[in-house]
C-alpha atoms as a PDB file:
ATOM      1  CA  MET A   1      24.470  -6.730  -7.729  1.00  0.00           C
ATOM      2  CA  LYS A   2      23.233  -6.607  -4.162  1.00  0.00           C
ATOM      3  CA  LYS A   3      19.441  -6.276  -3.875  1.00  0.00           C
ATOM      4  CA  THR A   4      18.238  -4.209  -0.946  1.00  0.00           C
ATOM      5  CA  PHE A   5      15.345  -3.965   1.483  1.00  0.00           C
ATOM      6  CA  PHE A   6      12.125  -5.166  -0.095  1.00  0.00           C
ATOM      7  CA  LEU A   7      13.540  -7.875  -2.323  1.00  0.00           C
ATOM      8  CA  LEU A   8      15.912  -8.921   0.418  1.00  0.00           C
ATOM      9  CA  SER A   9      13.284  -8.696   3.133  1.00  0.00           C
ATOM     10  CA  ALA A  10      10.908 -10.884   1.165  1.00  0.00           C
ATOM     11  CA  MET A  11       7.574  -9.170   0.890  1.00  0.00           C
ATOM     12  CA  LEU A  12       5.091 -11.549   2.486  1.00  0.00           C
ATOM     13  CA  CYS A  13       7.114 -14.757   1.968  1.00  0.00           C
ATOM     14  CA  MET A  14       4.085 -16.982   1.632  1.00  0.00           C
ATOM     15  CA  ALA A  15       3.794 -20.292  -0.141  1.00  0.00           C
ATOM     16  CA  VAL A  16       1.526 -20.279  -3.176  1.00  0.00           C
ATOM     17  CA  SER A  17       0.392 -23.634  -4.495  1.00  0.00           C
ATOM     18  CA  SER A  18       0.634 -23.748  -8.274  1.00  0.00           C
ATOM     19  CA  CYS A  19      -1.189 -27.067  -8.516  1.00  0.00           C
ATOM     20  CA  THR A  20      -4.289 -26.194  -6.507  1.00  0.00           C
ATOM     21  CA  GLY A  21      -4.403 -22.471  -7.153  1.00  0.00           C
ATOM     22  CA  SER A  22      -4.817 -21.777  -3.445  1.00  0.00           C
ATOM     23  CA  ALA A  23      -2.595 -19.757  -1.162  1.00  0.00           C
ATOM     24  CA  LYS A  24      -1.678 -20.662   2.381  1.00  0.00           C
ATOM     25  CA  ALA A  25      -0.067 -18.604   5.111  1.00  0.00           C
ATOM     26  CA  GLU A  26       3.271 -19.723   6.450  1.00  0.00           C
ATOM     27  CA  ASN A  27       3.408 -20.154  10.205  1.00  0.00           C
ATOM     28  CA  ASP A  28       7.101 -19.430  10.666  1.00  0.00           C
ATOM     29  CA  ASN A  29       8.706 -20.581  13.867  1.00  0.00           C
ATOM     30  CA  VAL A  30      11.073 -18.026  15.306  1.00  0.00           C
ATOM     31  CA  ALA A  31      14.612 -19.337  15.082  1.00  0.00           C
ATOM     32  CA  ALA A  32      16.639 -19.558  18.259  1.00  0.00           C
ATOM     33  CA  THR A  33      19.010 -16.923  16.900  1.00  0.00           C
ATOM     34  CA  ASP A  34      16.233 -14.424  16.204  1.00  0.00           C
ATOM     35  CA  SER A  35      15.853 -11.539  18.613  1.00  0.00           C
ATOM     36  CA  VAL A  36      12.263 -11.068  19.693  1.00  0.00           C
ATOM     37  CA  ASP A  37      12.796  -7.331  19.335  1.00  0.00           C
ATOM     38  CA  SER A  38      13.779  -7.798  15.692  1.00  0.00           C
ATOM     39  CA  ILE A  39      10.410  -9.308  14.761  1.00  0.00           C
ATOM     40  CA  PRO A  40       8.012  -6.565  13.617  1.00  0.00           C
ATOM     41  CA  THR A  41       4.757  -6.180  15.507  1.00  0.00           C
ATOM     42  CA  VAL A  42       1.535  -5.694  13.588  1.00  0.00           C
ATOM     43  CA  TYR A  43      -1.273  -4.240  15.673  1.00  0.00           C
ATOM     44  CA  PHE A  44      -4.822  -5.280  14.874  1.00  0.00           C
ATOM     45  CA  ILE A  45      -8.283  -4.172  15.923  1.00  0.00           C
ATOM     46  CA  LYS A  46     -11.404  -5.810  14.565  1.00  0.00           C
ATOM     47  CA  ASP A  47     -13.846  -2.913  14.810  1.00  0.00           C
ATOM     48  CA  ILE A  48     -13.467  -0.441  11.951  1.00  0.00           C
ATOM     49  CA  THR A  49     -14.350   2.856  13.581  1.00  0.00           C
ATOM     50  CA  PRO A  50     -12.747   6.317  13.907  1.00  0.00           C
ATOM     51  CA  GLU A  51     -11.844   5.452  17.496  1.00  0.00           C
ATOM     52  CA  SER A  52     -10.212   2.182  16.456  1.00  0.00           C
ATOM     53  CA  LEU A  53      -8.090   3.951  13.865  1.00  0.00           C
ATOM     54  CA  ILE A  54      -6.696   6.255  16.518  1.00  0.00           C
ATOM     55  CA  LYS A  55      -6.103   3.326  18.882  1.00  0.00           C
ATOM     56  CA  VAL A  56      -3.923   1.401  16.435  1.00  0.00           C
ATOM     57  CA  TYR A  57      -2.028   4.587  15.646  1.00  0.00           C
ATOM     58  CA  ASN A  58      -1.337   5.203  19.333  1.00  0.00           C
ATOM     59  CA  ALA A  59      -0.277   1.568  19.788  1.00  0.00           C
ATOM     60  CA  LEU A  60       2.570   2.020  17.298  1.00  0.00           C
ATOM     61  CA  GLY A  61       4.413   4.403  19.600  1.00  0.00           C
ATOM     62  CA  ARG A  62       5.662   6.444  16.659  1.00  0.00           C
ATOM     63  CA  LYS A  63       4.100   9.881  16.410  1.00  0.00           C
ATOM     64  CA  ALA A  64       3.447  11.673  13.170  1.00  0.00           C
ATOM     65  CA  GLU A  65       5.366  14.860  13.855  1.00  0.00           C
ATOM     66  CA  GLY A  66       6.907  17.637  11.812  1.00  0.00           C
ATOM     67  CA  ASN A  67       5.983  20.830  10.042  1.00  0.00           C
ATOM     68  CA  ASN A  68       4.451  18.928   7.128  1.00  0.00           C
ATOM     69  CA  VAL A  69       2.816  15.550   7.749  1.00  0.00           C
ATOM     70  CA  ALA A  70       1.794  13.676   4.608  1.00  0.00           C
ATOM     71  CA  VAL A  71      -1.019  11.128   4.584  1.00  0.00           C
ATOM     72  CA  LYS A  72      -0.813   8.902   1.520  1.00  0.00           C
ATOM     73  CA  ILE A  73      -4.276   7.712   0.559  1.00  0.00           C
ATOM     74  CA  SER A  74      -6.083   6.805  -2.633  1.00  0.00           C
ATOM     75  CA  THR A  75      -8.712   9.345  -3.563  1.00  0.00           C
ATOM     76  CA  GLY A  76     -10.644   6.704  -5.544  1.00  0.00           C
ATOM     77  CA  GLU A  77     -11.469   6.639  -9.237  1.00  0.00           C
ATOM     78  CA  SER A  78     -15.245   7.109  -8.965  1.00  0.00           C
ATOM     79  CA  ASN A  79     -18.126   7.221  -6.519  1.00  0.00           C
ATOM     80  CA  LYS A  80     -18.396   3.452  -6.968  1.00  0.00           C
ATOM     81  CA  SER A  81     -14.782   2.867  -5.905  1.00  0.00           C
ATOM     82  CA  ASN A  82     -14.129   1.408  -2.465  1.00  0.00           C
ATOM     83  CA  HIS A  83     -11.738   4.136  -1.280  1.00  0.00           C
ATOM     84  CA  LEU A  84     -11.611   4.916   2.429  1.00  0.00           C
ATOM     85  CA  ASP A  85     -14.610   6.695   3.879  1.00  0.00           C
ATOM     86  CA  THR A  86     -13.728  10.208   5.024  1.00  0.00           C
ATOM     87  CA  ALA A  87     -16.051   9.779   8.019  1.00  0.00           C
ATOM     88  CA  LEU A  88     -13.775   6.964   9.191  1.00  0.00           C
ATOM     89  CA  ILE A  89     -10.485   8.846   8.846  1.00  0.00           C
ATOM     90  CA  LYS A  90     -11.479  12.462   9.585  1.00  0.00           C
ATOM     91  CA  ASP A  91     -10.703  12.498  13.333  1.00  0.00           C
ATOM     92  CA  PHE A  92      -7.360  10.797  12.795  1.00  0.00           C
ATOM     93  CA  ILE A  93      -6.328  13.244  10.073  1.00  0.00           C
ATOM     94  CA  HIS A  94      -7.184  16.185  12.319  1.00  0.00           C
ATOM     95  CA  LEU A  95      -5.306  14.607  15.237  1.00  0.00           C
ATOM     96  CA  ILE A  96      -2.059  14.448  13.283  1.00  0.00           C
ATOM     97  CA  ASN A  97      -2.700  17.629  11.286  1.00  0.00           C
ATOM     98  CA  GLY A  98      -2.116  15.706   8.083  1.00  0.00           C
ATOM     99  CA  ASN A  99      -2.151  16.696   4.426  1.00  0.00           C
ATOM    100  CA  PHE A 100      -3.439  14.211   1.871  1.00  0.00           C
ATOM    101  CA  ILE A 101      -0.925  13.402  -0.853  1.00  0.00           C
ATOM    102  CA  GLU A 102      -1.559  11.776  -4.220  1.00  0.00           C
ATOM    103  CA  CYS A 103      -0.159  11.672  -7.752  1.00  0.00           C
ATOM    104  CA  ASN A 104      -1.923  11.619 -11.079  1.00  0.00           C
ATOM    105  CA  THR A 105      -2.651   8.336 -12.826  1.00  0.00           C
ATOM    106  CA  ALA A 106      -1.026   6.926 -15.955  1.00  0.00           C
ATOM    107  CA  TYR A 107      -4.292   5.840 -17.559  1.00  0.00           C
ATOM    108  CA  PRO A 108      -7.234   7.888 -18.876  1.00  0.00           C
ATOM    109  CA  GLY A 109      -9.879   8.455 -16.249  1.00  0.00           C
ATOM    110  CA  ASN A 110     -11.029  10.786 -13.510  1.00  0.00           C
ATOM    111  CA  ARG A 111      -7.558  11.384 -12.037  1.00  0.00           C
ATOM    112  CA  MET A 112      -5.097  11.659 -14.921  1.00  0.00           C
ATOM    113  CA  THR A 113      -4.927  15.472 -14.817  1.00  0.00           C
ATOM    114  CA  THR A 114      -4.483  17.597 -11.725  1.00  0.00           C
ATOM    115  CA  ALA A 115      -7.766  19.444 -12.278  1.00  0.00           C
ATOM    116  CA  ASP A 116      -9.726  16.227 -12.658  1.00  0.00           C
ATOM    117  CA  HIS A 117      -7.936  14.620  -9.739  1.00  0.00           C
ATOM    118  CA  LEU A 118      -8.744  17.501  -7.411  1.00  0.00           C
ATOM    119  CA  LYS A 119     -12.351  17.377  -8.573  1.00  0.00           C
ATOM    120  CA  ALA A 120     -12.512  13.660  -7.728  1.00  0.00           C
ATOM    121  CA  ALA A 121     -10.944  14.327  -4.325  1.00  0.00           C
ATOM    122  CA  GLN A 122     -13.562  16.992  -3.659  1.00  0.00           C
ATOM    123  CA  GLU A 123     -16.440  14.767  -4.779  1.00  0.00           C
ATOM    124  CA  HIS A 124     -15.217  11.980  -2.506  1.00  0.00           C
ATOM    125  CA  GLY A 125     -14.984  14.293   0.516  1.00  0.00           C
ATOM    126  CA  PHE A 126     -11.231  14.509   1.007  1.00  0.00           C
ATOM    127  CA  THR A 127     -10.861  18.248   0.435  1.00  0.00           C
ATOM    128  CA  SER A 128     -13.447  18.941   3.136  1.00  0.00           C
ATOM    129  CA  ILE A 129     -11.198  17.604   5.887  1.00  0.00           C
ATOM    130  CA  ALA A 130      -7.628  18.421   4.784  1.00  0.00           C
ATOM    131  CA  ASN A 131      -5.490  19.888   2.046  1.00  0.00           C
ATOM    132  CA  VAL A 132      -5.027  17.592  -0.954  1.00  0.00           C
ATOM    133  CA  ASP A 133      -1.624  17.864  -2.630  1.00  0.00           C
ATOM    134  CA  ILE A 134      -1.360  16.347  -6.107  1.00  0.00           C
ATOM    135  CA  MET A 135       2.378  16.051  -5.817  1.00  0.00           C
ATOM    136  CA  ASP A 136       3.236  15.897  -9.514  1.00  0.00           C
ATOM    137  CA  ALA A 137       1.090  18.908 -10.441  1.00  0.00           C
ATOM    138  CA  ASP A 138       4.278  20.896 -11.044  1.00  0.00           C
ATOM    139  CA  GLY A 139       6.511  18.065 -12.178  1.00  0.00           C
ATOM    140  CA  ASP A 140       8.401  15.170 -10.696  1.00  0.00           C
ATOM    141  CA  THR A 141      11.785  14.189  -9.331  1.00  0.00           C
ATOM    142  CA  THR A 142      13.848  11.045  -8.892  1.00  0.00           C
ATOM    143  CA  LEU A 143      14.942   9.000  -5.892  1.00  0.00           C
ATOM    144  CA  THR A 144      17.794   6.529  -6.231  1.00  0.00           C
ATOM    145  CA  VAL A 145      17.023   2.817  -6.002  1.00  0.00           C
ATOM    146  CA  GLU A 146      19.922   1.043  -4.300  1.00  0.00           C
ATOM    147  CA  GLY A 147      20.643  -2.287  -5.955  1.00  0.00           C
ATOM    148  CA  GLY A 148      17.361  -2.484  -7.809  1.00  0.00           C
ATOM    149  CA  TYR A 149      16.269  -5.403  -9.919  1.00  0.00           C
ATOM    150  CA  HIS A 150      14.938  -3.301 -12.795  1.00  0.00           C
ATOM    151  CA  LEU A 151      14.809   0.368 -11.811  1.00  0.00           C
ATOM    152  CA  PRO A 152      17.906   2.500 -11.162  1.00  0.00           C
ATOM    153  CA  TYR A 153      15.651   5.205  -9.755  1.00  0.00           C
ATOM    154  CA  ASP A 154      12.053   5.899  -8.773  1.00  0.00           C
ATOM    155  CA  ILE A 155      10.119   8.831 -10.248  1.00  0.00           C
ATOM    156  CA  VAL A 156       7.871  10.590  -7.732  1.00  0.00           C
ATOM    157  CA  GLY A 157       5.831  13.767  -7.523  1.00  0.00           C
ATOM    158  CA  LYS A 158       8.155  16.717  -6.904  1.00  0.00           C
ATOM    159  CA  ASN A 159       6.218  17.864  -3.844  1.00  0.00           C
ATOM    160  CA  PHE A 160       7.004  14.608  -2.046  1.00  0.00           C
ATOM    161  CA  LEU A 161      10.264  16.192  -0.931  1.00  0.00           C
ATOM    162  CA  ASN A 162       8.328  18.823   1.058  1.00  0.00           C
ATOM    163  CA  TYR A 163       7.163  16.438   3.798  1.00  0.00           C
ATOM    164  CA  ASP A 164       8.816  15.689   7.132  1.00  0.00           C
ATOM    165  CA  PHE A 165       6.754  12.629   8.007  1.00  0.00           C
ATOM    166  CA  MET A 166       4.449  10.269   6.143  1.00  0.00           C
ATOM    167  CA  VAL A 167       1.491   8.197   7.266  1.00  0.00           C
ATOM    168  CA  VAL A 168       0.670   5.548   4.676  1.00  0.00           C
ATOM    169  CA  LEU A 169      -3.063   5.029   5.144  1.00  0.00           C
ATOM    170  CA  SER A 170      -4.094   2.272   2.776  1.00  0.00           C
ATOM    171  CA  HIS A 171      -7.260   0.434   1.878  1.00  0.00           C
ATOM    172  CA  PHE A 172      -6.270  -3.229   1.731  1.00  0.00           C
ATOM    173  CA  LYS A 173      -8.064  -5.079  -1.075  1.00  0.00           C
ATOM    174  CA  GLY A 174      -7.395  -6.925  -4.309  1.00  0.00           C
ATOM    175  CA  HIS A 175      -5.721  -5.407  -7.314  1.00  0.00           C
ATOM    176  CA  GLN A 176      -6.281  -6.204 -10.951  1.00  0.00           C
ATOM    177  CA  MET A 177      -2.574  -6.096 -11.835  1.00  0.00           C
ATOM    178  CA  GLY A 178      -0.673  -6.665  -8.587  1.00  0.00           C
ATOM    179  CA  GLY A 179      -2.991  -9.257  -7.034  1.00  0.00           C
ATOM    180  CA  PHE A 180      -3.555  -7.167  -3.930  1.00  0.00           C
ATOM    181  CA  GLY A 181      -3.016  -3.608  -2.860  1.00  0.00           C
ATOM    182  CA  GLY A 182      -1.839  -2.463   0.556  1.00  0.00           C
ATOM    183  CA  ALA A 183       0.970  -0.395   2.035  1.00  0.00           C
ATOM    184  CA  LEU A 184       3.589  -1.480  -0.496  1.00  0.00           C
ATOM    185  CA  LYS A 185       1.432  -0.699  -3.499  1.00  0.00           C
ATOM    186  CA  ASN A 186       0.540   2.654  -1.924  1.00  0.00           C
ATOM    187  CA  ILE A 187       4.167   3.771  -1.579  1.00  0.00           C
ATOM    188  CA  SER A 188       5.333   2.437  -4.927  1.00  0.00           C
ATOM    189  CA  ILE A 189       2.732   3.070  -7.610  1.00  0.00           C
ATOM    190  CA  GLY A 190       0.852   5.488  -5.364  1.00  0.00           C
ATOM    191  CA  ILE A 191       3.723   7.944  -4.894  1.00  0.00           C
ATOM    192  CA  GLY A 192       4.899   7.573  -8.464  1.00  0.00           C
ATOM    193  CA  SER A 193       4.111  10.482 -10.754  1.00  0.00           C
ATOM    194  CA  THR A 194       2.364   9.754 -14.038  1.00  0.00           C
ATOM    195  CA  ALA A 195       5.803   9.061 -15.516  1.00  0.00           C
ATOM    196  CA  GLY A 196       6.750   7.109 -12.385  1.00  0.00           C
ATOM    197  CA  LYS A 197       3.692   4.882 -12.553  1.00  0.00           C
ATOM    198  CA  THR A 198       4.505   4.147 -16.188  1.00  0.00           C
ATOM    199  CA  TRP A 199       8.141   3.475 -15.252  1.00  0.00           C
ATOM    200  CA  ILE A 200       7.103   0.909 -12.623  1.00  0.00           C
ATOM    201  CA  HIS A 201       4.402  -0.762 -14.703  1.00  0.00           C
ATOM    202  CA  THR A 202       6.823  -1.255 -17.600  1.00  0.00           C
ATOM    203  CA  ALA A 203       9.767  -2.320 -15.397  1.00  0.00           C
ATOM    204  CA  GLY A 204      11.821   0.623 -16.598  1.00  0.00           C
ATOM    205  CA  LYS A 205      11.050   0.378 -20.308  1.00  0.00           C
ATOM    206  CA  THR A 206       9.375   3.771 -20.722  1.00  0.00           C
ATOM    207  CA  LYS A 207       8.184   6.847 -18.832  1.00  0.00           C
ATOM    208  CA  ASN A 208       5.656   7.821 -21.511  1.00  0.00           C
ATOM    209  CA  ALA A 209       2.119   6.962 -20.390  1.00  0.00           C
ATOM    210  CA  ASP A 210       1.007   6.739 -24.030  1.00  0.00           C
ATOM    211  CA  GLU A 211       3.404   3.810 -24.445  1.00  0.00           C
ATOM    212  CA  LEU A 212       2.515   1.988 -21.219  1.00  0.00           C
ATOM    213  CA  TRP A 213       0.180  -0.718 -22.509  1.00  0.00           C
ATOM    214  CA  ASN A 214       2.492  -1.644 -25.384  1.00  0.00           C
ATOM    215  CA  ASN A 215       5.422  -2.170 -23.027  1.00  0.00           C
ATOM    216  CA  LEU A 216       4.083  -4.369 -20.249  1.00  0.00           C
ATOM    217  CA  PRO A 217       6.839  -6.671 -18.909  1.00  0.00           C
ATOM    218  CA  GLU A 218       6.704 -10.147 -17.428  1.00  0.00           C
ATOM    219  CA  GLN A 219       4.421 -10.106 -14.390  1.00  0.00           C
ATOM    220  CA  ASP A 220       7.209 -10.875 -11.939  1.00  0.00           C
ATOM    221  CA  HIS A 221       9.302  -8.037 -13.341  1.00  0.00           C
ATOM    222  CA  PHE A 222       6.429  -5.637 -12.688  1.00  0.00           C
ATOM    223  CA  LEU A 223       6.143  -6.840  -9.093  1.00  0.00           C
ATOM    224  CA  GLU A 224       9.896  -6.566  -8.614  1.00  0.00           C
ATOM    225  CA  SER A 225       9.776  -3.016  -9.980  1.00  0.00           C
ATOM    226  CA  MET A 226       7.182  -2.165  -7.344  1.00  0.00           C
ATOM    227  CA  ALA A 227       9.650  -3.449  -4.773  1.00  0.00           C
ATOM    228  CA  ASP A 228      12.403  -1.306  -6.295  1.00  0.00           C
ATOM    229  CA  ALA A 229      10.204   1.776  -5.915  1.00  0.00           C
ATOM    230  CA  CYS A 230       9.384   0.839  -2.311  1.00  0.00           C
ATOM    231  CA  GLN A 231      13.095   0.687  -1.522  1.00  0.00           C
ATOM    232  CA  ALA A 232      13.601   4.226  -2.783  1.00  0.00           C
ATOM    233  CA  ILE A 233      10.707   5.583  -0.708  1.00  0.00           C
ATOM    234  CA  THR A 234      11.604   3.834   2.544  1.00  0.00           C
ATOM    235  CA  SER A 235      15.255   4.802   2.229  1.00  0.00           C
ATOM    236  CA  HIS A 236      14.227   8.415   1.736  1.00  0.00           C
ATOM    237  CA  MET A 237      11.832   8.475   4.716  1.00  0.00           C
ATOM    238  CA  GLY A 238      13.913   6.487   7.203  1.00  0.00           C
ATOM    239  CA  ASP A 239      11.989   6.240  10.476  1.00  0.00           C
ATOM    240  CA  LYS A 240       9.720   9.179   9.621  1.00  0.00           C
ATOM    241  CA  VAL A 241       6.929   6.939   8.375  1.00  0.00           C
ATOM    242  CA  LEU A 242       4.259   4.553   9.665  1.00  0.00           C
ATOM    243  CA  TYR A 243       1.736   2.301   7.969  1.00  0.00           C
ATOM    244  CA  ILE A 244      -1.951   1.556   8.542  1.00  0.00           C
ATOM    245  CA  ASN A 245      -4.104  -0.799   6.446  1.00  0.00           C
ATOM    246  CA  VAL A 246      -7.891  -0.762   6.647  1.00  0.00           C
ATOM    247  CA  ALA A 247      -9.079  -4.185   5.472  1.00  0.00           C
ATOM    248  CA  ASN A 248     -12.676  -3.540   4.518  1.00  0.00           C
ATOM    249  CA  LYS A 249     -14.760  -3.669   1.342  1.00  0.00           C
ATOM    250  CA  LEU A 250     -12.517  -6.495   0.200  1.00  0.00           C
ATOM    251  CA  SER A 251     -13.193  -6.415  -3.502  1.00  0.00           C
ATOM    252  CA  VAL A 252     -10.817  -8.182  -5.872  1.00  0.00           C
ATOM    253  CA  ASP A 253     -10.445  -4.805  -7.598  1.00  0.00           C
ATOM    254  CA  CYS A 254      -8.437  -1.757  -6.582  1.00  0.00           C
ATOM    255  CA  ASP A 255      -9.792   1.714  -5.804  1.00  0.00           C
ATOM    256  CA  CYS A 256      -8.331   2.796  -9.140  1.00  0.00           C
ATOM    257  CA  ASN A 257     -11.192   0.807 -10.697  1.00  0.00           C
ATOM    258  CA  GLY A 258     -14.235   3.002 -11.192  1.00  0.00           C
ATOM    259  CA  ASN A 259     -16.557   0.003 -11.346  1.00  0.00           C
ATOM    260  CA  PRO A 260     -15.112  -2.613  -8.960  1.00  0.00           C
ATOM    261  CA  GLU A 261     -16.511  -6.063  -8.382  1.00  0.00           C
ATOM    262  CA  THR A 262     -18.705  -6.372  -5.292  1.00  0.00           C
ATOM    263  CA  PRO A 263     -16.758  -7.697  -2.268  1.00  0.00           C
ATOM    264  CA  LYS A 264     -17.388 -11.360  -1.527  1.00  0.00           C
ATOM    265  CA  MET A 265     -15.993 -11.563   2.013  1.00  0.00           C
ATOM    266  CA  ALA A 266     -16.673  -9.629   5.190  1.00  0.00           C
ATOM    267  CA  ASP A 267     -14.478  -6.864   6.579  1.00  0.00           C
ATOM    268  CA  LEU A 268     -11.451  -7.944   8.625  1.00  0.00           C
ATOM    269  CA  GLY A 269     -10.351  -4.919  10.662  1.00  0.00           C
ATOM    270  CA  ILE A 270      -7.570  -2.337  10.918  1.00  0.00           C
ATOM    271  CA  PHE A 271      -3.885  -3.333  10.923  1.00  0.00           C
ATOM    272  CA  ALA A 272      -0.881  -1.107  11.679  1.00  0.00           C
ATOM    273  CA  SER A 273       2.898  -1.442  11.814  1.00  0.00           C
ATOM    274  CA  ILE A 274       6.113   0.466  11.276  1.00  0.00           C
ATOM    275  CA  ASP A 275       7.132  -2.343   8.888  1.00  0.00           C
ATOM    276  CA  PRO A 276       5.148  -2.313   5.612  1.00  0.00           C
ATOM    277  CA  VAL A 277       6.299  -5.797   4.607  1.00  0.00           C
ATOM    278  CA  ALA A 278       5.048  -7.338   7.847  1.00  0.00           C
ATOM    279  CA  LEU A 279       1.858  -5.305   7.623  1.00  0.00           C
ATOM    280  CA  ASP A 280       0.902  -6.461   4.149  1.00  0.00           C
ATOM    281  CA  ARG A 281       1.812 -10.024   5.018  1.00  0.00           C
ATOM    282  CA  ALA A 282      -0.435  -9.910   8.099  1.00  0.00           C
ATOM    283  CA  CYS A 283      -3.339  -8.746   5.967  1.00  0.00           C
ATOM    284  CA  VAL A 284      -2.855 -11.456   3.353  1.00  0.00           C
ATOM    285  CA  ASP A 285      -2.497 -14.037   6.139  1.00  0.00           C
ATOM    286  CA  ALA A 286      -5.772 -12.798   7.641  1.00  0.00           C
ATOM    287  CA  VAL A 287      -7.536 -13.324   4.324  1.00  0.00           C
ATOM    288  CA  ILE A 288      -6.073 -16.799   3.875  1.00  0.00           C
ATOM    289  CA  ASN A 289      -6.804 -17.895   7.461  1.00  0.00           C
ATOM    290  CA  SER A 290     -10.329 -16.492   7.469  1.00  0.00           C
ATOM    291  CA  ASP A 291     -13.222 -18.955   7.721  1.00  0.00           C
ATOM    292  CA  ASP A 292     -15.240 -16.744   5.376  1.00  0.00           C
ATOM    293  CA  PRO A 293     -15.997 -18.737   2.189  1.00  0.00           C
ATOM    294  CA  GLY A 294     -16.036 -15.468   0.273  1.00  0.00           C
ATOM    295  CA  LYS A 295     -12.244 -15.312   0.597  1.00  0.00           C
ATOM    296  CA  ASP A 296     -11.797 -17.638  -2.381  1.00  0.00           C
ATOM    297  CA  ALA A 297     -12.286 -14.849  -4.920  1.00  0.00           C
ATOM    298  CA  LEU A 298      -9.627 -12.657  -3.313  1.00  0.00           C
ATOM    299  CA  ILE A 299      -7.179 -15.538  -2.929  1.00  0.00           C
ATOM    300  CA  GLU A 300      -7.666 -16.417  -6.591  1.00  0.00           C
ATOM    301  CA  ARG A 301      -6.929 -12.813  -7.550  1.00  0.00           C
ATOM    302  CA  ILE A 302      -3.740 -12.818  -5.472  1.00  0.00           C
ATOM    303  CA  ASN A 303      -2.571 -16.136  -6.915  1.00  0.00           C
ATOM    304  CA  SER A 304      -3.480 -15.439 -10.519  1.00  0.00           C
ATOM    305  CA  ARG A 305      -1.418 -12.234 -10.444  1.00  0.00           C
ATOM    306  CA  HIS A 306       1.449 -13.892  -8.546  1.00  0.00           C
ATOM    307  CA  GLY A 307       0.890 -11.238  -5.911  1.00  0.00           C
ATOM    308  CA  THR A 308       3.102 -12.762  -3.231  1.00  0.00           C
ATOM    309  CA  HIS A 309       6.065 -13.129  -5.575  1.00  0.00           C
ATOM    310  CA  ILE A 310       8.048 -10.160  -4.333  1.00  0.00           C
ATOM    311  CA  ARG A 311      10.383 -12.176  -2.157  1.00  0.00           C
ATOM    312  CA  CYS A 312      14.013 -13.166  -2.379  1.00  0.00           C
ATOM    313  CA  ARG A 313      16.352 -13.534   0.570  1.00  0.00           C
ATOM    314  CA  ARG A 314      14.818 -13.281   4.033  1.00  0.00           C
ATOM    315  CA  LYS A 315      11.506 -14.360   5.470  1.00  0.00           C
ATOM    316  CA  THR A 316       9.669 -11.558   7.194  1.00  0.00           C
ATOM    317  CA  ARG A 317       7.988 -12.774  10.348  1.00  0.00           C
ATOM    318  CA  HIS A 318       5.609 -10.721  12.411  1.00  0.00           C
ATOM    319  CA  ARG A 319       3.829 -10.759  15.731  1.00  0.00           C
ATOM    320  CA  LEU A 320       0.127  -9.928  15.621  1.00  0.00           C
ATOM    321  CA  SER A 321      -1.034  -7.965  18.654  1.00  0.00           C
ATOM    322  CA  GLU A 322      -4.795  -7.576  18.908  1.00  0.00           C
ATOM    323  CA  ILE A 323      -6.179  -4.472  20.554  1.00  0.00           C
ATOM    324  CA  SER A 324      -9.520  -4.740  22.297  1.00  0.00           C
ATOM    325  CA  SER A 325     -12.197  -2.313  21.151  1.00  0.00           C
ATOM    326  CA  CYS A 326     -13.022  -1.842  24.846  1.00  0.00           C
ATOM    327  CA  ASP A 327      -9.524  -0.647  25.752  1.00  0.00           C
ATOM    328  CA  HIS A 328      -9.195   3.009  26.657  1.00  0.00           C
END
């Protein structure tokens, strides 16, 4: 069966050394047959400020337009979680007239029910700057996965179908199950309903959250199921989507962890692209190529979870274009 998009486009395509336990970024040379225009650009700005966020957005040249603009974020599990600061993103959200979108979790905690999730969103400041739509509050729906490895369809919050455009605004960091979390995690597990999250985590074994932990698959099958879900989302959105990763508070743990480990390395900056594969790769490359000794903990988390596995057919190159903080 033909595998499409994310498995074919080789999420990250980095070499991981199994003997040393260290990851290294691939410096791919552009083949003579490659069109320069076909290589995705990832824009980068070092300063993490509200102004910088708007600059990288403007650099993309793709405007968030439509009657209903969704902004996919993580509302964070607790006040200790490293979710994005609303002071950082407020001006950008107002600029694009965005609505925050989320789905309930598949594990007991502060966001498993809609009421609790909205309370967490309020406590973390999100409801003060925009509407927060818990998309599976009234049920879910399915999106077809074309040529998936494990999932014939993705299960998402029903309200996802209401949006004309989506901005995927992610906090790049580690992840206790996936190795790292960025744009791809945000559109796969993040847009999955409670049933959808269970479906992905179990590689299509069950949709019942009560059965999740007794049905965990091989690690690579979980990662491939994330890729399946990404394919469904990107096919549905077409070119009505863009991706921004804020690489700060680089804990080895995700924002779904209410008590994350303290970050060991310094903030990197803000990255943006219209290609989520290239974007996440650029962020992982930045961690690996950093001269910050604190990176070792995050690299170990990525390697130990096989985080860069989701690859198959084609290497995804990217051009990194740095934006000066002084540019106007």
